[in-house]
Amino acid sequence: MWRIKEHHDIEKVCHKLPAAVVKKYELWKSLVFRHGPDKLRAFQGFHDEKLQGDRTGQRSSRLSLQSRVIYAVEKEIVTVLVLEITPHNY
C-alpha cells in the first residue's frame, strides 16, 4: 500500500471546491492508496501526465475540466505528496 501526504492547505482548499471535485479527489486518493500512482494511467478520465518546466518531477491528474491535483512521487519511501489542487493554470 502507498502512503499519501497532503499539503497542510489541502483541507481548506477542499472546502471551497465543488462537491463533485472533492468526490473525484477522494476516488483519486483511494486508487493511489491501494494501487499506486501508476494505476492512474489506466483511467483516462484522470488524464495523468508528467509536468515540465518549473514543475519537472511532478505529475498532474484531472479532477474536472478546470481542477487538477498536482503531486510528486517519492518512490524510495513509497509516498505520494499532494502539493495542491488548482485550476488548470500551469
PDB file of N, CA and C in Angstrom:
ATOM      1  N   MET A   1       0.829  -1.181   0.000  1.00  0.00           N
ATOM      2  CA  MET A   1       0.000   0.000   0.000  1.00  0.00           C
ATOM      3  C   MET A   1       0.878   1.250   0.000  1.00  0.00           C
ATOM      4  N   TRP A   2       0.344   2.301  -0.537  1.00  0.00           N
ATOM      5  CA  TRP A   2       1.043   3.572  -0.629  1.00  0.00           C
ATOM      6  C   TRP A   2       0.603   4.492   0.499  1.00  0.00           C
ATOM      7  N   ARG A   3       1.440   5.425   0.822  1.00  0.00           N
ATOM      8  CA  ARG A   3       1.123   6.440   1.817  1.00  0.00           C
ATOM      9  C   ARG A   3       0.897   7.760   1.086  1.00  0.00           C
ATOM     10  N   ILE A   4      -0.115   8.508   1.477  1.00  0.00           N
ATOM     11  CA  ILE A   4      -0.419   9.790   0.850  1.00  0.00           C
ATOM     12  C   ILE A   4      -0.261  10.883   1.895  1.00  0.00           C
ATOM     13  N   LYS A   5       0.614  11.839   1.602  1.00  0.00           N
ATOM     14  CA  LYS A   5       0.786  13.012   2.462  1.00  0.00           C
ATOM     15  C   LYS A   5       0.197  14.198   1.708  1.00  0.00           C
ATOM     16  N   GLU A   6      -0.631  14.959   2.374  1.00  0.00           N
ATOM     17  CA  GLU A   6      -1.229  16.129   1.751  1.00  0.00           C
ATOM     18  C   GLU A   6      -0.613  17.404   2.319  1.00  0.00           C
ATOM     19  N   HIS A   7      -0.458  18.392   1.466  1.00  0.00           N
ATOM     20  CA  HIS A   7      -0.013  19.705   1.915  1.00  0.00           C
ATOM     21  C   HIS A   7      -1.014  20.202   2.956  1.00  0.00           C
ATOM     22  N   HIS A   8      -0.558  20.965   3.915  1.00  0.00           N
ATOM     23  CA  HIS A   8      -1.437  21.384   5.018  1.00  0.00           C
ATOM     24  C   HIS A   8      -2.613  22.257   4.568  1.00  0.00           C
ATOM     25  N   ASP A   9      -2.559  22.837   3.379  1.00  0.00           N
ATOM     26  CA  ASP A   9      -3.664  23.677   2.890  1.00  0.00           C
ATOM     27  C   ASP A   9      -4.732  22.907   2.118  1.00  0.00           C
ATOM     28  N   ILE A  10      -4.507  21.636   1.837  1.00  0.00           N
ATOM     29  CA  ILE A  10      -5.436  20.867   1.007  1.00  0.00           C
ATOM     30  C   ILE A  10      -6.828  20.810   1.629  1.00  0.00           C
ATOM     31  N   GLU A  11      -6.914  20.645   2.927  1.00  0.00           N
ATOM     32  CA  GLU A  11      -8.226  20.567   3.578  1.00  0.00           C
ATOM     33  C   GLU A  11      -9.012  21.865   3.392  1.00  0.00           C
ATOM     34  N   LYS A  12      -8.349  23.005   3.518  1.00  0.00           N
ATOM     35  CA  LYS A  12      -9.004  24.296   3.311  1.00  0.00           C
ATOM     36  C   LYS A  12      -9.476  24.437   1.862  1.00  0.00           C
ATOM     37  N   VAL A  13      -8.628  24.018   0.937  1.00  0.00           N
ATOM     38  CA  VAL A  13      -8.962  24.115  -0.485  1.00  0.00           C
ATOM     39  C   VAL A  13     -10.179  23.254  -0.799  1.00  0.00           C
ATOM     40  N   CYS A  14     -10.248  22.066  -0.222  1.00  0.00           N
ATOM     41  CA  CYS A  14     -11.364  21.149  -0.491  1.00  0.00           C
ATOM     42  C   CYS A  14     -12.701  21.734  -0.039  1.00  0.00           C
ATOM     43  N   HIS A  15     -12.696  22.543   1.012  1.00  0.00           N
ATOM     44  CA  HIS A  15     -13.940  23.156   1.482  1.00  0.00           C
ATOM     45  C   HIS A  15     -14.497  24.156   0.465  1.00  0.00           C
ATOM     46  N   LYS A  16     -13.632  24.708  -0.373  1.00  0.00           N
ATOM     47  CA  LYS A  16     -14.046  25.711  -1.356  1.00  0.00           C
ATOM     48  C   LYS A  16     -14.394  25.101  -2.710  1.00  0.00           C
ATOM     49  N   LEU A  17     -14.052  23.833  -2.912  1.00  0.00           N
ATOM     50  CA  LEU A  17     -14.276  23.186  -4.206  1.00  0.00           C
ATOM     51  C   LEU A  17     -15.702  22.645  -4.326  1.00  0.00           C
ATOM     52  N   PRO A  18     -16.193  22.477  -5.564  1.00  0.00           N
ATOM     53  CA  PRO A  18     -17.499  21.822  -5.750  1.00  0.00           C
ATOM     54  C   PRO A  18     -17.452  20.382  -5.225  1.00  0.00           C
ATOM     55  N   ALA A  19     -18.590  19.897  -4.786  1.00  0.00           N
ATOM     56  CA  ALA A  19     -18.672  18.550  -4.202  1.00  0.00           C
ATOM     57  C   ALA A  19     -18.203  17.479  -5.180  1.00  0.00           C
ATOM     58  N   ALA A  20     -18.483  17.640  -6.467  1.00  0.00           N
ATOM     59  CA  ALA A  20     -18.079  16.637  -7.462  1.00  0.00           C
ATOM     60  C   ALA A  20     -16.557  16.539  -7.560  1.00  0.00           C
ATOM     61  N   VAL A  21     -15.865  17.664  -7.432  1.00  0.00           N
ATOM     62  CA  VAL A  21     -14.396  17.660  -7.497  1.00  0.00           C
ATOM     63  C   VAL A  21     -13.826  16.979  -6.259  1.00  0.00           C
ATOM     64  N   VAL A  22     -14.388  17.266  -5.100  1.00  0.00           N
ATOM     65  CA  VAL A  22     -13.924  16.640  -3.856  1.00  0.00           C
ATOM     66  C   VAL A  22     -14.158  15.128  -3.912  1.00  0.00           C
ATOM     67  N   LYS A  23     -15.302  14.725  -4.443  1.00  0.00           N
ATOM     68  CA  LYS A  23     -15.607  13.293  -4.566  1.00  0.00           C
ATOM     69  C   LYS A  23     -14.605  12.601  -5.495  1.00  0.00           C
ATOM     70  N   LYS A  24     -14.255  13.246  -6.602  1.00  0.00           N
ATOM     71  CA  LYS A  24     -13.282  12.645  -7.519  1.00  0.00           C
ATOM     72  C   LYS A  24     -11.892  12.620  -6.893  1.00  0.00           C
ATOM     73  N   TYR A  25     -11.569  13.633  -6.082  1.00  0.00           N
ATOM     74  CA  TYR A  25     -10.298  13.630  -5.364  1.00  0.00           C
ATOM     75  C   TYR A  25     -10.246  12.464  -4.382  1.00  0.00           C
ATOM     76  N   GLU A  26     -11.332  12.191  -3.697  1.00  0.00           N
ATOM     77  CA  GLU A  26     -11.379  11.043  -2.782  1.00  0.00           C
ATOM     78  C   GLU A  26     -11.195   9.732  -3.544  1.00  0.00           C
ATOM     79  N   LEU A  27     -11.790   9.615  -4.726  1.00  0.00           N
ATOM     80  CA  LEU A  27     -11.584   8.444  -5.579  1.00  0.00           C
ATOM     81  C   LEU A  27     -10.122   8.345  -5.996  1.00  0.00           C
ATOM     82  N   TRP A  28      -9.533   9.475  -6.365  1.00  0.00           N
ATOM     83  CA  TRP A  28      -8.125   9.529  -6.759  1.00  0.00           C
ATOM     84  C   TRP A  28      -7.241   9.020  -5.618  1.00  0.00           C
ATOM     85  N   LYS A  29      -7.508   9.511  -4.401  1.00  0.00           N
ATOM     86  CA  LYS A  29      -6.720   9.074  -3.237  1.00  0.00           C
ATOM     87  C   LYS A  29      -6.884   7.575  -2.993  1.00  0.00           C
ATOM     88  N   SER A  30      -8.084   7.068  -3.140  1.00  0.00           N
ATOM     89  CA  SER A  30      -8.340   5.651  -2.931  1.00  0.00           C
ATOM     90  C   SER A  30      -7.549   4.791  -3.916  1.00  0.00           C
ATOM     91  N   LEU A  31      -7.558   5.191  -5.178  1.00  0.00           N
ATOM     92  CA  LEU A  31      -6.801   4.451  -6.197  1.00  0.00           C
ATOM     93  C   LEU A  31      -5.305   4.476  -5.909  1.00  0.00           C
ATOM     94  N   VAL A  32      -4.784   5.640  -5.570  1.00  0.00           N
ATOM     95  CA  VAL A  32      -3.351   5.765  -5.295  1.00  0.00           C
ATOM     96  C   VAL A  32      -2.979   4.961  -4.058  1.00  0.00           C
ATOM     97  N   PHE A  33      -3.789   5.032  -3.013  1.00  0.00           N
ATOM     98  CA  PHE A  33      -3.503   4.315  -1.772  1.00  0.00           C
ATOM     99  C   PHE A  33      -3.451   2.805  -2.006  1.00  0.00           C
ATOM    100  N   ARG A  34      -4.399   2.288  -2.768  1.00  0.00           N
ATOM    101  CA  ARG A  34      -4.488   0.836  -2.969  1.00  0.00           C
ATOM    102  C   ARG A  34      -3.532   0.306  -4.034  1.00  0.00           C
ATOM    103  N   HIS A  35      -3.379   1.055  -5.146  1.00  0.00           N
ATOM    104  CA  HIS A  35      -2.668   0.506  -6.301  1.00  0.00           C
ATOM    105  C   HIS A  35      -1.436   1.297  -6.721  1.00  0.00           C
ATOM    106  N   GLY A  36      -1.235   2.470  -6.166  1.00  0.00           N
ATOM    107  CA  GLY A  36      -0.101   3.301  -6.535  1.00  0.00           C
ATOM    108  C   GLY A  36      -0.433   4.237  -7.681  1.00  0.00           C
ATOM    109  N   PRO A  37       0.399   5.254  -7.873  1.00  0.00           N
ATOM    110  CA  PRO A  37       0.117   6.269  -8.882  1.00  0.00           C
ATOM    111  C   PRO A  37       0.205   5.757 -10.318  1.00  0.00           C
ATOM    112  N   ASP A  38       0.910   4.683 -10.567  1.00  0.00           N
ATOM    113  CA  ASP A  38       0.996   4.140 -11.929  1.00  0.00           C
ATOM    114  C   ASP A  38      -0.363   3.660 -12.428  1.00  0.00           C
ATOM    115  N   LYS A  39      -1.236   3.257 -11.534  1.00  0.00           N
ATOM    116  CA  LYS A  39      -2.575   2.774 -11.901  1.00  0.00           C
ATOM    117  C   LYS A  39      -3.448   3.890 -12.475  1.00  0.00           C
ATOM    118  N   LEU A  40      -3.138   5.160 -12.156  1.00  0.00           N
ATOM    119  CA  LEU A  40      -3.939   6.284 -12.647  1.00  0.00           C
ATOM    120  C   LEU A  40      -3.943   6.357 -14.168  1.00  0.00           C
ATOM    121  N   ARG A  41      -2.884   5.910 -14.795  1.00  0.00           N
ATOM    122  CA  ARG A  41      -2.800   5.961 -16.263  1.00  0.00           C
ATOM    123  C   ARG A  41      -3.801   5.023 -16.922  1.00  0.00           C
ATOM    124  N   ALA A  42      -4.288   4.037 -16.191  1.00  0.00           N
ATOM    125  CA  ALA A  42      -5.275   3.103 -16.735  1.00  0.00           C
ATOM    126  C   ALA A  42      -6.661   3.737 -16.823  1.00  0.00           C
ATOM    127  N   PHE A  43      -6.869   4.841 -16.100  1.00  0.00           N
ATOM    128  CA  PHE A  43      -8.152   5.539 -16.104  1.00  0.00           C
ATOM    129  C   PHE A  43      -7.996   6.835 -16.900  1.00  0.00           C
ATOM    130  N   GLN A  44      -8.522   6.851 -18.114  1.00  0.00           N
ATOM    131  CA  GLN A  44      -8.330   8.007 -18.981  1.00  0.00           C
ATOM    132  C   GLN A  44      -8.990   9.266 -18.446  1.00  0.00           C
ATOM    133  N   GLY A  45      -9.989   9.139 -17.595  1.00  0.00           N
ATOM    134  CA  GLY A  45     -10.664  10.302 -17.031  1.00  0.00           C
ATOM    135  C   GLY A  45      -9.748  11.173 -16.184  1.00  0.00           C
ATOM    136  N   PHE A  46      -8.707  10.592 -15.615  1.00  0.00           N
ATOM    137  CA  PHE A  46      -7.763  11.359 -14.809  1.00  0.00           C
ATOM    138  C   PHE A  46      -6.720  12.068 -15.679  1.00  0.00           C
ATOM    139  N   HIS A  47      -6.527  11.613 -16.894  1.00  0.00           N
ATOM    140  CA  HIS A  47      -5.560  12.207 -17.830  1.00  0.00           C
ATOM    141  C   HIS A  47      -4.254  12.527 -17.095  1.00  0.00           C
ATOM    142  N   ASP A  48      -3.701  11.516 -16.430  1.00  0.00           N
ATOM    143  CA  ASP A  48      -2.492  11.685 -15.634  1.00  0.00           C
ATOM    144  C   ASP A  48      -1.295  11.939 -16.549  1.00  0.00           C
ATOM    145  N   GLU A  49      -0.495  12.968 -16.211  1.00  0.00           N
ATOM    146  CA  GLU A  49       0.660  13.295 -17.053  1.00  0.00           C
ATOM    147  C   GLU A  49       1.778  13.894 -16.222  1.00  0.00           C
ATOM    148  N   LYS A  50       3.008  13.722 -16.717  1.00  0.00           N
ATOM    149  CA  LYS A  50       4.136  14.368 -16.046  1.00  0.00           C
ATOM    150  C   LYS A  50       4.213  15.812 -16.514  1.00  0.00           C
ATOM    151  N   LEU A  51       4.718  16.654 -15.623  1.00  0.00           N
ATOM    152  CA  LEU A  51       4.801  18.080 -15.907  1.00  0.00           C
ATOM    153  C   LEU A  51       6.229  18.461 -16.274  1.00  0.00           C
ATOM    154  N   GLN A  52       6.342  19.604 -16.924  1.00  0.00           N
ATOM    155  CA  GLN A  52       7.650  20.077 -17.381  1.00  0.00           C
ATOM    156  C   GLN A  52       7.923  21.474 -16.847  1.00  0.00           C
ATOM    157  N   GLY A  53       9.080  22.007 -17.174  1.00  0.00           N
ATOM    158  CA  GLY A  53       9.441  23.368 -16.764  1.00  0.00           C
ATOM    159  C   GLY A  53       9.696  23.461 -15.280  1.00  0.00           C
ATOM    160  N   ASP A  54       9.072  24.444 -14.636  1.00  0.00           N
ATOM    161  CA  ASP A  54       9.255  24.649 -13.192  1.00  0.00           C
ATOM    162  C   ASP A  54       8.709  23.489 -12.377  1.00  0.00           C
ATOM    163  N   ARG A  55       7.848  22.697 -12.959  1.00  0.00           N
ATOM    164  CA  ARG A  55       7.215  21.582 -12.253  1.00  0.00           C
ATOM    165  C   ARG A  55       7.799  20.217 -12.667  1.00  0.00           C
ATOM    166  N   THR A  56       9.011  20.202 -13.165  1.00  0.00           N
ATOM    167  CA  THR A  56       9.670  18.947 -13.508  1.00  0.00           C
ATOM    168  C   THR A  56       9.758  18.067 -12.268  1.00  0.00           C
ATOM    169  N   GLY A  57       9.411  16.797 -12.419  1.00  0.00           N
ATOM    170  CA  GLY A  57       9.414  15.863 -11.296  1.00  0.00           C
ATOM    171  C   GLY A  57       8.043  15.730 -10.644  1.00  0.00           C
ATOM    172  N   GLN A  58       7.094  16.543 -11.074  1.00  0.00           N
ATOM    173  CA  GLN A  58       5.737  16.473 -10.540  1.00  0.00           C
ATOM    174  C   GLN A  58       4.802  15.925 -11.606  1.00  0.00           C
ATOM    175  N   ARG A  59       3.629  15.503 -11.170  1.00  0.00           N
ATOM    176  CA  ARG A  59       2.618  14.966 -12.078  1.00  0.00           C
ATOM    177  C   ARG A  59       1.293  15.676 -11.830  1.00  0.00           C
ATOM    178  N   SER A  60       0.384  15.551 -12.785  1.00  0.00           N
ATOM    179  CA  SER A  60      -0.927  16.186 -12.703  1.00  0.00           C
ATOM    180  C   SER A  60      -2.000  15.176 -13.076  1.00  0.00           C
ATOM    181  N   SER A  61      -3.102  15.177 -12.337  1.00  0.00           N
ATOM    182  CA  SER A  61      -4.269  14.360 -12.668  1.00  0.00           C
ATOM    183  C   SER A  61      -5.484  15.272 -12.724  1.00  0.00           C
ATOM    184  N   ARG A  62      -6.346  15.047 -13.683  1.00  0.00           N
ATOM    185  CA  ARG A  62      -7.548  15.861 -13.880  1.00  0.00           C
ATOM    186  C   ARG A  62      -8.652  15.415 -12.930  1.00  0.00           C
ATOM    187  N   LEU A  63      -9.217  16.369 -12.203  1.00  0.00           N
ATOM    188  CA  LEU A  63     -10.368  16.100 -11.339  1.00  0.00           C
ATOM    189  C   LEU A  63     -11.657  16.622 -11.972  1.00  0.00           C
ATOM    190  N   SER A  64     -11.532  17.637 -12.807  1.00  0.00           N
ATOM    191  CA  SER A  64     -12.648  18.191 -13.576  1.00  0.00           C
ATOM    192  C   SER A  64     -12.029  18.904 -14.772  1.00  0.00           C
ATOM    193  N   LEU A  65     -12.839  19.533 -15.590  1.00  0.00           N
ATOM    194  CA  LEU A  65     -12.280  20.265 -16.723  1.00  0.00           C
ATOM    195  C   LEU A  65     -11.324  21.357 -16.256  1.00  0.00           C
ATOM    196  N   GLN A  66     -11.584  21.938 -15.103  1.00  0.00           N
ATOM    197  CA  GLN A  66     -10.750  23.023 -14.616  1.00  0.00           C
ATOM    198  C   GLN A  66      -9.770  22.605 -13.523  1.00  0.00           C
ATOM    199  N   SER A  67     -10.129  21.695 -12.664  1.00  0.00           N
ATOM    200  CA  SER A  67      -9.317  21.374 -11.483  1.00  0.00           C
ATOM    201  C   SER A  67      -8.351  20.227 -11.729  1.00  0.00           C
ATOM    202  N   ARG A  68      -7.151  20.393 -11.194  1.00  0.00           N
ATOM    203  CA  ARG A  68      -6.116  19.372 -11.274  1.00  0.00           C
ATOM    204  C   ARG A  68      -5.535  19.144  -9.883  1.00  0.00           C
ATOM    205  N   VAL A  69      -5.098  17.919  -9.635  1.00  0.00           N
ATOM    206  CA  VAL A  69      -4.326  17.639  -8.434  1.00  0.00           C
ATOM    207  C   VAL A  69      -2.873  17.515  -8.897  1.00  0.00           C
ATOM    208  N   ILE A  70      -1.991  18.272  -8.255  1.00  0.00           N
ATOM    209  CA  ILE A  70      -0.568  18.262  -8.561  1.00  0.00           C
ATOM    210  C   ILE A  70       0.108  17.453  -7.457  1.00  0.00           C
ATOM    211  N   TYR A  71       0.936  16.480  -7.858  1.00  0.00           N
ATOM    212  CA  TYR A  71       1.567  15.629  -6.850  1.00  0.00           C
ATOM    213  C   TYR A  71       2.951  15.201  -7.287  1.00  0.00           C
ATOM    214  N   ALA A  72       3.726  14.734  -6.338  1.00  0.00           N
ATOM    215  CA  ALA A  72       5.066  14.201  -6.580  1.00  0.00           C
ATOM    216  C   ALA A  72       5.151  12.831  -5.921  1.00  0.00           C
ATOM    217  N   VAL A  73       5.928  11.945  -6.517  1.00  0.00           N
ATOM    218  CA  VAL A  73       6.069  10.586  -6.002  1.00  0.00           C
ATOM    219  C   VAL A  73       7.479  10.408  -5.453  1.00  0.00           C
ATOM    220  N   GLU A  74       7.561   9.941  -4.222  1.00  0.00           N
ATOM    221  CA  GLU A  74       8.824   9.607  -3.588  1.00  0.00           C
ATOM    222  C   GLU A  74       8.896   8.089  -3.515  1.00  0.00           C
ATOM    223  N   LYS A  75       9.475   7.460  -4.531  1.00  0.00           N
ATOM    224  CA  LYS A  75       9.447   6.008  -4.633  1.00  0.00           C
ATOM    225  C   LYS A  75      10.222   5.299  -3.533  1.00  0.00           C
ATOM    226  N   GLU A  76      11.328   5.878  -3.084  1.00  0.00           N
ATOM    227  CA  GLU A  76      12.131   5.168  -2.108  1.00  0.00           C
ATOM    228  C   GLU A  76      11.422   4.984  -0.777  1.00  0.00           C
ATOM    229  N   ILE A  77      10.448   5.834  -0.470  1.00  0.00           N
ATOM    230  CA  ILE A  77       9.679   5.630   0.760  1.00  0.00           C
ATOM    231  C   ILE A  77       8.191   5.416   0.456  1.00  0.00           C
ATOM    232  N   VAL A  78       7.873   5.155  -0.794  1.00  0.00           N
ATOM    233  CA  VAL A  78       6.519   4.826  -1.241  1.00  0.00           C
ATOM    234  C   VAL A  78       5.504   5.852  -0.726  1.00  0.00           C
ATOM    235  N   THR A  79       5.728   7.108  -1.078  1.00  0.00           N
ATOM    236  CA  THR A  79       4.869   8.192  -0.628  1.00  0.00           C
ATOM    237  C   THR A  79       4.429   9.038  -1.812  1.00  0.00           C
ATOM    238  N   VAL A  80       3.185   9.436  -1.799  1.00  0.00           N
ATOM    239  CA  VAL A  80       2.676  10.399  -2.763  1.00  0.00           C
ATOM    240  C   VAL A  80       2.393  11.675  -1.988  1.00  0.00           C
ATOM    241  N   LEU A  81       3.026  12.768  -2.389  1.00  0.00           N
ATOM    242  CA  LEU A  81       2.846  14.051  -1.723  1.00  0.00           C
ATOM    243  C   LEU A  81       1.932  14.920  -2.584  1.00  0.00           C
ATOM    244  N   VAL A  82       0.727  15.190  -2.104  1.00  0.00           N
ATOM    245  CA  VAL A  82      -0.225  16.045  -2.821  1.00  0.00           C
ATOM    246  C   VAL A  82       0.150  17.483  -2.520  1.00  0.00           C
ATOM    247  N   LEU A  83       0.583  18.203  -3.549  1.00  0.00           N
ATOM    248  CA  LEU A  83       1.060  19.567  -3.370  1.00  0.00           C
ATOM    249  C   LEU A  83      -0.064  20.593  -3.410  1.00  0.00           C
ATOM    250  N   GLU A  84      -0.986  20.432  -4.358  1.00  0.00           N
ATOM    251  CA  GLU A  84      -2.075  21.379  -4.453  1.00  0.00           C
ATOM    252  C   GLU A  84      -3.181  20.863  -5.358  1.00  0.00           C
ATOM    253  N   ILE A  85      -4.357  21.431  -5.202  1.00  0.00           N
ATOM    254  CA  ILE A  85      -5.462  21.216  -6.121  1.00  0.00           C
ATOM    255  C   ILE A  85      -5.754  22.612  -6.663  1.00  0.00           C
ATOM    256  N   THR A  86      -5.626  22.761  -7.959  1.00  0.00           N
ATOM    257  CA  THR A  86      -5.628  24.093  -8.539  1.00  0.00           C
ATOM    258  C   THR A  86      -6.349  24.134  -9.864  1.00  0.00           C
ATOM    259  N   PRO A  87      -6.860  25.312 -10.246  1.00  0.00           N
ATOM    260  CA  PRO A  87      -7.352  25.452 -11.602  1.00  0.00           C
ATOM    261  C   PRO A  87      -6.210  25.229 -12.584  1.00  0.00           C
ATOM    262  N   HIS A  88      -6.510  24.829 -13.757  1.00  0.00           N
ATOM    263  CA  HIS A  88      -5.520  24.493 -14.772  1.00  0.00           C
ATOM    264  C   HIS A  88      -4.849  25.767 -15.274  1.00  0.00           C
ATOM    265  N   ASN A  89      -3.775  26.190 -14.580  1.00  0.00           N
ATOM    266  CA  ASN A  89      -3.089  27.436 -14.963  1.00  0.00           C
ATOM    267  C   ASN A  89      -1.577  27.292 -14.961  1.00  0.00           C
ATOM    268  N   TYR A  90      -1.085  26.094 -15.130  1.00  0.00           N
ATOM    269  CA  TYR A  90       0.365  25.901 -15.135  1.00  0.00           C
ATOM    270  C   TYR A  90       0.873  25.727 -16.533  1.00  0.00           C
TER     271      TYR A  90
END
